[in-house]
Amino acid sequence: MLLVKLLPQAVALPSSSQLQVLNVRLHDTNAQLVREARERELAQRALARAHEDAEELVRVRTAELSEAHLRLEQSAARYRALVQASADSVWTTTPEGTPSDMNEYEQFTGAPLSRVPRDTGLLVHGDDRAEVLQRWQHAIETRTPFDSQHRLQHADGSWRHVRAQAVPVFEQTGAVREWAGTQVDISAQVETARRMEVMQQQLEQSQRLDAVGRLAGGIAHDAGPATMPPRREQRAAGRPYDAASSHRRADPD
């Protein structure tokens, strides 16, 4: 009985106004939770779309880069094929001019560069060596194209006339990354030019002799037919020489 009498005093029930306030707070809390859940759902959806967009962008960009890389490789292959078709050897050096890729050069000369003495100028003819080295040093110092025609020892031991050209390859920073060069055997062209020069000299010599002959013929013609031998007389008149006719004129019946 004592417990029953004390229970109403120990448990204080909220009033109706308090319950109403609690209900309002609970409603607001639930609404806030619903809004947060909705915002979280929207954020997750946006994040998923962004992730999908990023994956698509990466896929497209990767495809573009792959295609660009393929085009670059094809362009480089075409360029190298054209260079190799027009040159006997393609070579590269470091920015300082130290040989790096000289395989084709070594095939042309028939000697590994590691076994070639430094003072031979990479097997350049002794008479051309100083000028070639001077041109090469000037190109490296000024970072300008190199161009030289000189004689180079071939693998068969003969001396070949070659034309060597090189250009600096620059980094985006402007520094020289390497030197790329080509070499062409122009021995046939040099020999053709030499023969044409000899023929031209022979032609000029023939023309001078012909001019001297014409001058001598004119002088003899001015001196009169009596002093001109029959052969020269008929040549000066533009007729072929006739020995029988000359004898008839010299010994009339």
Protein backbone atom coordinates (compact mmCIF):
# COMPACT_ATOMS: atom_id res chain seq x y z
CA MET A 1 0.00 0.00 0.00
CA LEU A 2 2.88 2.35 0.75
CA LEU A 3 4.37 1.72 -2.72
CA VAL A 4 1.12 2.46 -4.41
CA LYS A 5 0.77 5.69 -2.51
CA LEU A 6 4.30 6.84 -3.40
CA LEU A 7 4.23 5.89 -7.18
CA PRO A 8 2.17 8.84 -8.40
CA GLN A 9 4.57 11.19 -6.72
CA ALA A 10 7.75 9.47 -8.10
CA VAL A 11 6.63 9.26 -11.70
CA ALA A 12 5.79 12.70 -12.96
CA LEU A 13 3.96 12.52 -16.27
CA PRO A 14 4.56 15.39 -18.77
CA SER A 15 1.79 17.78 -19.28
CA SER A 16 -0.01 18.15 -22.56
CA SER A 17 1.92 21.31 -23.40
CA GLN A 18 5.20 19.54 -22.78
CA LEU A 19 4.12 16.64 -24.95
CA GLN A 20 3.21 19.06 -27.70
CA VAL A 21 6.67 20.67 -27.55
CA LEU A 22 8.31 17.25 -27.61
CA ASN A 23 6.25 16.23 -30.59
CA VAL A 24 7.28 19.39 -32.44
CA ARG A 25 10.95 18.76 -31.67
CA LEU A 26 10.64 15.13 -32.75
CA HIS A 27 8.96 16.20 -35.97
CA ASP A 28 11.69 18.73 -36.68
CA THR A 29 14.37 16.18 -35.92
CA ASN A 30 12.77 13.65 -38.23
CA ALA A 31 12.43 16.26 -40.95
CA GLN A 32 16.09 17.22 -40.52
CA LEU A 33 17.11 13.57 -40.76
CA VAL A 34 15.02 13.15 -43.91
CA ARG A 35 16.60 16.23 -45.46
CA GLU A 36 20.09 15.06 -44.59
CA ALA A 37 19.37 11.61 -45.97
CA ARG A 38 18.01 13.19 -49.17
CA GLU A 39 21.00 15.47 -49.49
CA ARG A 40 23.30 12.53 -48.86
CA GLU A 41 21.52 10.52 -51.55
CA LEU A 42 21.76 13.42 -54.00
CA ALA A 43 25.44 13.85 -53.17
CA GLN A 44 26.08 10.17 -53.73
CA ARG A 45 24.27 10.32 -57.06
CA ALA A 46 26.26 13.40 -58.07
CA LEU A 47 29.46 11.71 -57.01
CA ALA A 48 28.56 8.62 -59.02
CA ARG A 49 27.81 10.77 -62.10
CA ALA A 50 31.08 12.65 -61.61
CA HIS A 51 32.92 9.37 -61.31
CA GLU A 52 31.28 8.09 -64.50
CA ASP A 53 32.08 11.35 -66.27
CA ALA A 54 35.68 11.14 -65.08
CA GLU A 55 35.98 7.56 -66.29
CA GLU A 56 34.55 8.55 -69.67
CA LEU A 57 36.89 11.51 -69.88
CA VAL A 58 39.85 9.28 -69.01
CA ARG A 59 38.74 6.74 -71.60
CA VAL A 60 38.36 9.38 -74.32
CA ARG A 61 41.61 11.10 -73.38
CA THR A 62 43.44 7.77 -73.30
CA ALA A 63 42.09 6.93 -76.74
CA GLU A 64 43.15 10.36 -78.05
CA LEU A 65 46.63 9.99 -76.56
CA SER A 66 46.95 6.49 -77.98
CA GLU A 67 45.93 7.72 -81.42
CA ALA A 68 48.27 10.69 -81.19
CA HIS A 69 51.12 8.41 -80.08
CA LEU A 70 50.39 6.07 -82.97
CA ARG A 71 50.38 8.96 -85.45
CA LEU A 72 53.64 10.22 -83.94
CA GLU A 73 55.23 6.79 -84.28
CA GLN A 74 54.00 6.48 -87.86
CA SER A 75 55.27 9.96 -88.68
CA ALA A 76 58.64 9.20 -87.11
CA ALA A 77 58.82 5.90 -89.02
CA ARG A 78 57.99 7.64 -92.30
CA TYR A 79 60.56 10.36 -91.61
CA ARG A 80 63.25 7.85 -90.74
CA ALA A 81 62.40 5.78 -93.83
CA LEU A 82 62.69 8.86 -96.04
CA VAL A 83 65.96 9.85 -94.40
CA GLN A 84 67.38 6.35 -94.78
CA ALA A 85 66.22 6.24 -98.40
CA SER A 86 68.10 9.45 -99.16
CA ALA A 87 71.13 8.84 -96.94
CA ASP A 88 73.72 6.10 -96.55
CA SER A 89 73.80 6.44 -92.79
CA VAL A 90 71.90 8.19 -90.00
CA TRP A 91 73.70 9.02 -86.76
CA THR A 92 73.25 10.90 -83.50
CA THR A 93 75.54 12.45 -80.93
CA THR A 94 75.22 13.96 -77.47
CA PRO A 95 74.74 17.74 -77.11
CA GLU A 96 78.51 18.02 -76.75
CA GLY A 97 79.10 16.14 -80.01
CA THR A 98 80.15 12.79 -78.56
CA PRO A 99 78.97 9.90 -80.82
CA SER A 100 76.01 7.98 -79.40
CA ASP A 101 74.22 6.07 -82.17
CA MET A 102 76.71 5.53 -85.01
CA ASN A 103 75.87 1.98 -86.10
CA GLU A 104 75.26 2.86 -89.75
CA TYR A 105 78.32 5.10 -89.78
CA GLU A 106 80.39 2.17 -88.51
CA GLN A 107 78.91 -0.09 -91.20
CA PHE A 108 79.95 2.44 -93.85
CA THR A 109 83.51 2.77 -92.58
CA GLY A 110 83.77 -0.86 -91.50
CA ALA A 111 85.40 0.04 -88.19
CA PRO A 112 83.90 0.34 -84.69
CA LEU A 113 84.42 3.87 -83.43
CA SER A 114 85.78 2.49 -80.16
CA ARG A 115 88.76 1.18 -82.13
CA VAL A 116 89.26 4.31 -84.23
CA PRO A 117 92.03 6.60 -82.93
CA ARG A 118 90.78 10.02 -81.89
CA ASP A 119 93.33 11.83 -84.04
CA THR A 120 91.85 10.34 -87.25
CA GLY A 121 88.73 12.50 -87.02
CA LEU A 122 86.45 9.44 -87.39
CA LEU A 123 88.35 8.29 -90.50
CA VAL A 124 88.08 11.62 -92.34
CA HIS A 125 90.81 12.20 -94.94
CA GLY A 126 93.81 13.99 -93.49
CA ASP A 127 93.59 16.86 -95.99
CA ASP A 128 89.94 17.52 -95.06
CA ARG A 129 90.08 16.76 -91.34
CA ALA A 130 90.93 20.21 -89.97
CA GLU A 131 88.15 21.97 -91.85
CA VAL A 132 85.57 19.30 -90.94
CA LEU A 133 86.44 19.50 -87.23
CA GLN A 134 86.32 23.29 -87.36
CA ARG A 135 82.87 23.25 -88.98
CA TRP A 136 81.60 20.70 -86.43
CA GLN A 137 82.93 22.67 -83.46
CA HIS A 138 81.38 25.86 -84.80
CA ALA A 139 77.99 24.14 -85.20
CA ILE A 140 78.08 22.84 -81.61
CA GLU A 141 79.07 26.19 -80.14
CA THR A 142 76.50 28.20 -82.12
CA ARG A 143 73.82 25.46 -82.16
CA THR A 144 73.42 25.89 -85.90
CA PRO A 145 73.16 23.21 -88.66
CA PHE A 146 76.33 21.40 -89.71
CA ASP A 147 77.11 20.82 -93.41
CA SER A 148 80.35 19.44 -94.85
CA GLN A 149 81.61 17.74 -97.99
CA HIS A 150 84.78 15.72 -97.45
CA ARG A 151 86.48 12.40 -98.05
CA LEU A 152 85.83 9.48 -95.75
CA GLN A 153 87.49 6.08 -95.65
CA HIS A 154 85.12 3.31 -96.77
CA ALA A 155 84.99 -0.24 -95.48
CA ASP A 156 86.71 -1.44 -98.68
CA GLY A 157 89.69 0.84 -97.97
CA SER A 158 88.88 3.42 -100.65
CA TRP A 159 88.24 7.11 -100.04
CA ARG A 160 84.66 8.19 -100.73
CA HIS A 161 83.37 11.69 -101.18
CA VAL A 162 80.52 12.21 -98.73
CA ARG A 163 78.22 14.99 -97.64
CA ALA A 164 77.50 15.06 -93.91
CA GLN A 165 74.72 17.16 -92.42
CA ALA A 166 73.41 17.48 -88.86
CA VAL A 167 70.91 19.60 -86.93
CA PRO A 168 70.41 20.13 -83.19
CA VAL A 169 67.30 18.59 -81.59
CA PHE A 170 65.98 20.91 -78.89
CA GLU A 171 64.11 20.26 -75.66
CA GLN A 172 61.06 22.37 -74.78
CA THR A 173 63.33 24.33 -72.46
CA GLY A 174 65.50 25.33 -75.41
CA ALA A 175 68.43 23.12 -74.47
CA VAL A 176 69.97 20.83 -77.06
CA ARG A 177 68.91 17.22 -76.42
CA GLU A 178 71.05 15.64 -79.15
CA TRP A 179 72.39 16.09 -82.66
CA ALA A 180 70.81 14.12 -85.52
CA GLY A 181 72.83 13.74 -88.70
CA THR A 182 72.92 12.03 -92.08
CA GLN A 183 75.66 11.07 -94.48
CA VAL A 184 75.38 10.59 -98.26
CA ASP A 185 77.98 9.07 -100.56
CA ILE A 186 78.39 11.60 -103.40
CA SER A 187 81.42 9.97 -105.04
CA ALA A 188 79.51 9.31 -108.29
CA GLN A 189 78.36 12.93 -108.50
CA VAL A 190 81.88 14.20 -107.81
CA GLU A 191 83.32 11.91 -110.51
CA THR A 192 80.64 13.03 -112.99
CA ALA A 193 81.41 16.67 -112.25
CA ARG A 194 85.13 16.01 -112.71
CA ARG A 195 84.58 14.36 -116.08
CA MET A 196 82.32 17.17 -117.22
CA GLU A 197 85.01 19.66 -116.23
CA VAL A 198 87.61 17.73 -118.25
CA MET A 199 85.28 17.62 -121.25
CA GLN A 200 84.63 21.34 -120.90
CA GLN A 201 88.38 22.01 -120.84
CA GLN A 202 88.88 19.83 -123.91
CA LEU A 203 86.06 21.64 -125.71
CA GLU A 204 87.55 25.01 -124.85
CA GLN A 205 90.96 23.82 -126.06
CA SER A 206 89.43 22.61 -129.33
CA GLN A 207 87.65 25.91 -129.79
CA ARG A 208 90.89 27.82 -129.22
CA LEU A 209 92.71 25.65 -131.78
CA ASP A 210 89.90 26.13 -134.27
CA ALA A 211 90.04 29.89 -133.73
CA VAL A 212 93.81 29.86 -134.31
CA GLY A 213 93.31 27.84 -137.51
CA ARG A 214 90.69 30.25 -138.79
CA LEU A 215 92.96 33.18 -137.99
CA ALA A 216 95.87 31.58 -139.82
CA GLY A 217 93.64 30.83 -142.81
CA GLY A 218 92.47 34.40 -142.95
CA ILE A 219 96.02 35.73 -142.87
CA ALA A 220 97.07 33.36 -145.67
CA HIS A 221 94.06 34.40 -147.75
CA ASP A 222 94.97 38.06 -147.37
CA ALA A 223 98.52 37.33 -148.56
CA GLY A 224 97.21 36.10 -151.95
CA PRO A 225 96.80 32.71 -153.70
CA ALA A 226 100.35 32.75 -155.08
CA THR A 227 101.84 32.34 -151.65
CA MET A 228 99.23 29.90 -150.36
CA PRO A 229 99.86 26.18 -150.72
CA PRO A 230 97.17 24.34 -152.72
CA ARG A 231 95.85 22.47 -149.68
CA ARG A 232 95.35 25.66 -147.65
CA GLU A 233 94.00 27.51 -150.70
CA GLN A 234 91.23 24.98 -151.23
CA ARG A 235 90.46 24.72 -147.49
CA ALA A 236 90.22 28.50 -147.28
CA ALA A 237 87.79 28.43 -150.20
CA GLY A 238 85.74 25.81 -148.41
CA ARG A 239 86.48 23.02 -150.96
CA PRO A 240 87.99 19.60 -150.26
CA TYR A 241 91.62 19.20 -151.20
CA ASP A 242 92.15 17.50 -154.62
CA ALA A 243 95.80 16.54 -155.19
CA ALA A 244 95.29 15.73 -158.90
CA SER A 245 93.66 19.07 -159.54
CA SER A 246 96.51 20.84 -157.80
CA HIS A 247 99.08 19.05 -159.96
CA ARG A 248 97.18 19.99 -163.17
CA ARG A 249 97.26 23.65 -162.18
CA ALA A 250 100.91 23.45 -161.25
CA ASP A 251 101.95 21.62 -164.54
CA PRO A 252 99.73 22.87 -167.43
CA ASP A 253 100.08 21.17 -170.79
